[in-house]
């Protein structure tokens, strides 16, 4: 039986596994590597704090995730296809690793984030 997301080490495991999938994904991987040119040594700790704040109440994340996504959307397509793929990979990763209330909350929050970002990006680009 899988456990629920309980502590920061669970968040780190989730985020690391998710980004392993993202980087191999032909739909969204190039956005991270070829367009954003992310430095994952810097990016991953930010994502750990973001999700730990979302799911564990850590309050360790500060920033506006919309800003970098709007900049990226000016350089490459970022719409329903890309956000649906991001969400599919995230949900697949959560389901592979965890089960329980926080795991479900992670998927719900990710869905809300994907819809909101897609909406705002499409609104900005019109």
C-alpha atoms as a PDB file:
ATOM      1  CA  UNK A   1       0.000   0.000   0.000  1.00  0.00           C
ATOM      2  CA  UNK A   2       1.247   3.457  -0.896  1.00  0.00           C
ATOM      3  CA  UNK A   3       1.438   6.185   1.695  1.00  0.00           C
ATOM      4  CA  UNK A   4       0.120   9.726   1.468  1.00  0.00           C
ATOM      5  CA  UNK A   5       2.293  12.802   1.012  1.00  0.00           C
ATOM      6  CA  UNK A   6       3.385  13.571   4.577  1.00  0.00           C
ATOM      7  CA  UNK A   7       6.640  15.512   4.631  1.00  0.00           C
ATOM      8  CA  UNK A   8       9.094  17.513   2.562  1.00  0.00           C
ATOM      9  CA  UNK A   9      11.046  14.397   1.543  1.00  0.00           C
ATOM     10  CA  UNK A  10       7.833  13.120  -0.104  1.00  0.00           C
ATOM     11  CA  UNK A  11       7.525  16.403  -2.000  1.00  0.00           C
ATOM     12  CA  UNK A  12      11.143  16.124  -3.147  1.00  0.00           C
ATOM     13  CA  UNK A  13      10.556  12.564  -4.359  1.00  0.00           C
ATOM     14  CA  UNK A  14       7.405  13.620  -6.219  1.00  0.00           C
ATOM     15  CA  UNK A  15       8.977  16.668  -7.861  1.00  0.00           C
ATOM     16  CA  UNK A  16      12.157  14.819  -8.864  1.00  0.00           C
ATOM     17  CA  UNK A  17      10.209  11.930 -10.425  1.00  0.00           C
ATOM     18  CA  UNK A  18       7.843  14.344 -12.170  1.00  0.00           C
ATOM     19  CA  UNK A  19      10.684  16.323 -13.741  1.00  0.00           C
ATOM     20  CA  UNK A  20      12.359  13.084 -14.838  1.00  0.00           C
ATOM     21  CA  UNK A  21       9.191  12.458 -16.852  1.00  0.00           C
ATOM     22  CA  UNK A  22       8.911  16.046 -18.050  1.00  0.00           C
ATOM     23  CA  UNK A  23      12.425  16.100 -19.462  1.00  0.00           C
ATOM     24  CA  UNK A  24      11.748  12.951 -21.504  1.00  0.00           C
ATOM     25  CA  UNK A  25       8.386  14.175 -22.768  1.00  0.00           C
ATOM     26  CA  UNK A  26       8.344  15.278 -26.419  1.00  0.00           C
ATOM     27  CA  UNK A  27       5.437  17.705 -25.902  1.00  0.00           C
ATOM     28  CA  UNK A  28       6.666  19.742 -22.946  1.00  0.00           C
ATOM     29  CA  UNK A  29      10.261  18.675 -22.352  1.00  0.00           C
ATOM     30  CA  UNK A  30      11.670  21.083 -24.955  1.00  0.00           C
ATOM     31  CA  UNK A  31       9.941  24.017 -23.247  1.00  0.00           C
ATOM     32  CA  UNK A  32      12.038  23.371 -20.145  1.00  0.00           C
ATOM     33  CA  UNK A  33      15.310  22.538 -21.899  1.00  0.00           C
ATOM     34  CA  UNK A  34      15.387  24.355 -25.243  1.00  0.00           C
ATOM     35  CA  UNK A  35      13.275  27.437 -24.520  1.00  0.00           C
ATOM     36  CA  UNK A  36      13.535  28.160 -20.785  1.00  0.00           C
ATOM     37  CA  UNK A  37      17.034  26.670 -20.486  1.00  0.00           C
ATOM     38  CA  UNK A  38      16.267  25.925 -16.854  1.00  0.00           C
ATOM     39  CA  UNK A  39      19.046  25.420 -14.376  1.00  0.00           C
ATOM     40  CA  UNK A  40      17.527  22.500 -12.509  1.00  0.00           C
ATOM     41  CA  UNK A  41      19.888  22.925  -9.567  1.00  0.00           C
ATOM     42  CA  UNK A  42      18.083  26.228  -8.966  1.00  0.00           C
ATOM     43  CA  UNK A  43      14.627  25.331 -10.288  1.00  0.00           C
ATOM     44  CA  UNK A  44      13.986  22.132  -8.347  1.00  0.00           C
ATOM     45  CA  UNK A  45      14.432  23.646  -4.847  1.00  0.00           C
ATOM     46  CA  UNK A  46      11.933  26.348  -5.842  1.00  0.00           C
ATOM     47  CA  UNK A  47       9.476  23.643  -6.891  1.00  0.00           C
ATOM     48  CA  UNK A  48      10.050  21.754  -3.633  1.00  0.00           C
ATOM     49  CA  UNK A  49       9.159  24.905  -1.711  1.00  0.00           C
ATOM     50  CA  UNK A  50       6.181  25.663  -3.950  1.00  0.00           C
ATOM     51  CA  UNK A  51       4.605  22.236  -3.458  1.00  0.00           C
ATOM     52  CA  UNK A  52       5.567  22.021   0.225  1.00  0.00           C
ATOM     53  CA  UNK A  53       3.810  25.353   0.717  1.00  0.00           C
ATOM     54  CA  UNK A  54       0.765  24.156  -1.233  1.00  0.00           C
ATOM     55  CA  UNK A  55       0.431  20.771   0.432  1.00  0.00           C
ATOM     56  CA  UNK A  56       2.159  20.970   3.792  1.00  0.00           C
ATOM     57  CA  UNK A  57       1.557  24.609   4.716  1.00  0.00           C
ATOM     58  CA  UNK A  58       5.295  25.249   4.908  1.00  0.00           C
ATOM     59  CA  UNK A  59       5.159  28.839   3.643  1.00  0.00           C
ATOM     60  CA  UNK A  60       8.643  28.399   2.203  1.00  0.00           C
ATOM     61  CA  UNK A  61       7.760  29.610  -1.319  1.00  0.00           C
ATOM     62  CA  UNK A  62       7.661  33.221  -2.371  1.00  0.00           C
ATOM     63  CA  UNK A  63       7.203  34.460  -5.876  1.00  0.00           C
ATOM     64  CA  UNK A  64       4.713  34.722  -8.683  1.00  0.00           C
ATOM     65  CA  UNK A  65       4.696  31.617 -10.870  1.00  0.00           C
ATOM     66  CA  UNK A  66       2.630  33.389 -13.524  1.00  0.00           C
ATOM     67  CA  UNK A  67       5.407  35.804 -14.540  1.00  0.00           C
ATOM     68  CA  UNK A  68       7.912  33.297 -15.947  1.00  0.00           C
ATOM     69  CA  UNK A  69       5.135  31.369 -17.667  1.00  0.00           C
ATOM     70  CA  UNK A  70       3.891  34.483 -19.433  1.00  0.00           C
ATOM     71  CA  UNK A  71       7.432  35.168 -20.652  1.00  0.00           C
ATOM     72  CA  UNK A  72       7.754  31.620 -21.937  1.00  0.00           C
ATOM     73  CA  UNK A  73       4.389  31.778 -23.682  1.00  0.00           C
ATOM     74  CA  UNK A  74       5.695  34.690 -25.751  1.00  0.00           C
ATOM     75  CA  UNK A  75       8.475  32.395 -27.020  1.00  0.00           C
ATOM     76  CA  UNK A  76       6.738  29.060 -27.531  1.00  0.00           C
ATOM     77  CA  UNK A  77       3.239  27.618 -27.708  1.00  0.00           C
ATOM     78  CA  UNK A  78       1.819  27.119 -24.237  1.00  0.00           C
ATOM     79  CA  UNK A  79      -1.821  26.279 -24.409  1.00  0.00           C
ATOM     80  CA  UNK A  80      -4.305  23.566 -23.645  1.00  0.00           C
ATOM     81  CA  UNK A  81      -2.191  20.824 -25.236  1.00  0.00           C
ATOM     82  CA  UNK A  82       0.896  21.666 -23.191  1.00  0.00           C
ATOM     83  CA  UNK A  83      -0.946  22.224 -19.917  1.00  0.00           C
ATOM     84  CA  UNK A  84      -2.949  19.015 -20.348  1.00  0.00           C
ATOM     85  CA  UNK A  85       0.289  17.109 -20.903  1.00  0.00           C
ATOM     86  CA  UNK A  86       1.863  18.739 -17.832  1.00  0.00           C
ATOM     87  CA  UNK A  87      -1.182  17.777 -15.774  1.00  0.00           C
ATOM     88  CA  UNK A  88      -1.261  14.230 -17.152  1.00  0.00           C
ATOM     89  CA  UNK A  89       2.382  13.702 -16.182  1.00  0.00           C
ATOM     90  CA  UNK A  90       1.872  15.248 -12.751  1.00  0.00           C
ATOM     91  CA  UNK A  91      -1.197  13.130 -11.981  1.00  0.00           C
ATOM     92  CA  UNK A  92       0.532   9.998 -13.287  1.00  0.00           C
ATOM     93  CA  UNK A  93       3.486  10.680 -10.995  1.00  0.00           C
ATOM     94  CA  UNK A  94       1.317  11.308  -7.943  1.00  0.00           C
ATOM     95  CA  UNK A  95      -0.672   8.138  -8.610  1.00  0.00           C
ATOM     96  CA  UNK A  96       2.495   6.088  -9.065  1.00  0.00           C
ATOM     97  CA  UNK A  97       4.017   7.220  -5.774  1.00  0.00           C
ATOM     98  CA  UNK A  98       1.233   8.131  -3.342  1.00  0.00           C
ATOM     99  CA  UNK A  99      -2.368   7.707  -2.319  1.00  0.00           C
ATOM    100  CA  UNK A 100      -4.470   9.526   0.208  1.00  0.00           C
ATOM    101  CA  UNK A 101      -5.970  12.904   0.981  1.00  0.00           C
ATOM    102  CA  UNK A 102      -2.885  15.017   0.240  1.00  0.00           C
ATOM    103  CA  UNK A 103      -2.167  13.068  -2.936  1.00  0.00           C
ATOM    104  CA  UNK A 104      -5.678  13.890  -4.131  1.00  0.00           C
ATOM    105  CA  UNK A 105      -5.213  17.497  -3.039  1.00  0.00           C
ATOM    106  CA  UNK A 106      -1.983  17.664  -5.059  1.00  0.00           C
ATOM    107  CA  UNK A 107      -3.834  16.561  -8.192  1.00  0.00           C
ATOM    108  CA  UNK A 108      -6.699  18.987  -7.559  1.00  0.00           C
ATOM    109  CA  UNK A 109      -4.313  21.897  -7.016  1.00  0.00           C
ATOM    110  CA  UNK A 110      -2.294  20.961 -10.103  1.00  0.00           C
ATOM    111  CA  UNK A 111      -5.498  20.904 -12.167  1.00  0.00           C
ATOM    112  CA  UNK A 112      -6.480  24.330 -10.872  1.00  0.00           C
ATOM    113  CA  UNK A 113      -3.000  25.691 -11.591  1.00  0.00           C
ATOM    114  CA  UNK A 114      -2.997  24.306 -15.134  1.00  0.00           C
ATOM    115  CA  UNK A 115      -6.441  25.750 -15.912  1.00  0.00           C
ATOM    116  CA  UNK A 116      -5.625  29.147 -14.400  1.00  0.00           C
ATOM    117  CA  UNK A 117      -2.284  29.472 -16.180  1.00  0.00           C
ATOM    118  CA  UNK A 118      -3.764  28.380 -19.490  1.00  0.00           C
ATOM    119  CA  UNK A 119      -6.593  30.899 -19.091  1.00  0.00           C
ATOM    120  CA  UNK A 120      -4.301  33.809 -18.129  1.00  0.00           C
ATOM    121  CA  UNK A 121      -1.766  33.074 -20.858  1.00  0.00           C
ATOM    122  CA  UNK A 122      -4.476  32.927 -23.515  1.00  0.00           C
ATOM    123  CA  UNK A 123      -5.996  36.136 -22.158  1.00  0.00           C
ATOM    124  CA  UNK A 124      -2.625  37.929 -22.267  1.00  0.00           C
ATOM    125  CA  UNK A 125      -1.776  36.775 -25.788  1.00  0.00           C
ATOM    126  CA  UNK A 126      -5.073  37.946 -27.310  1.00  0.00           C
END
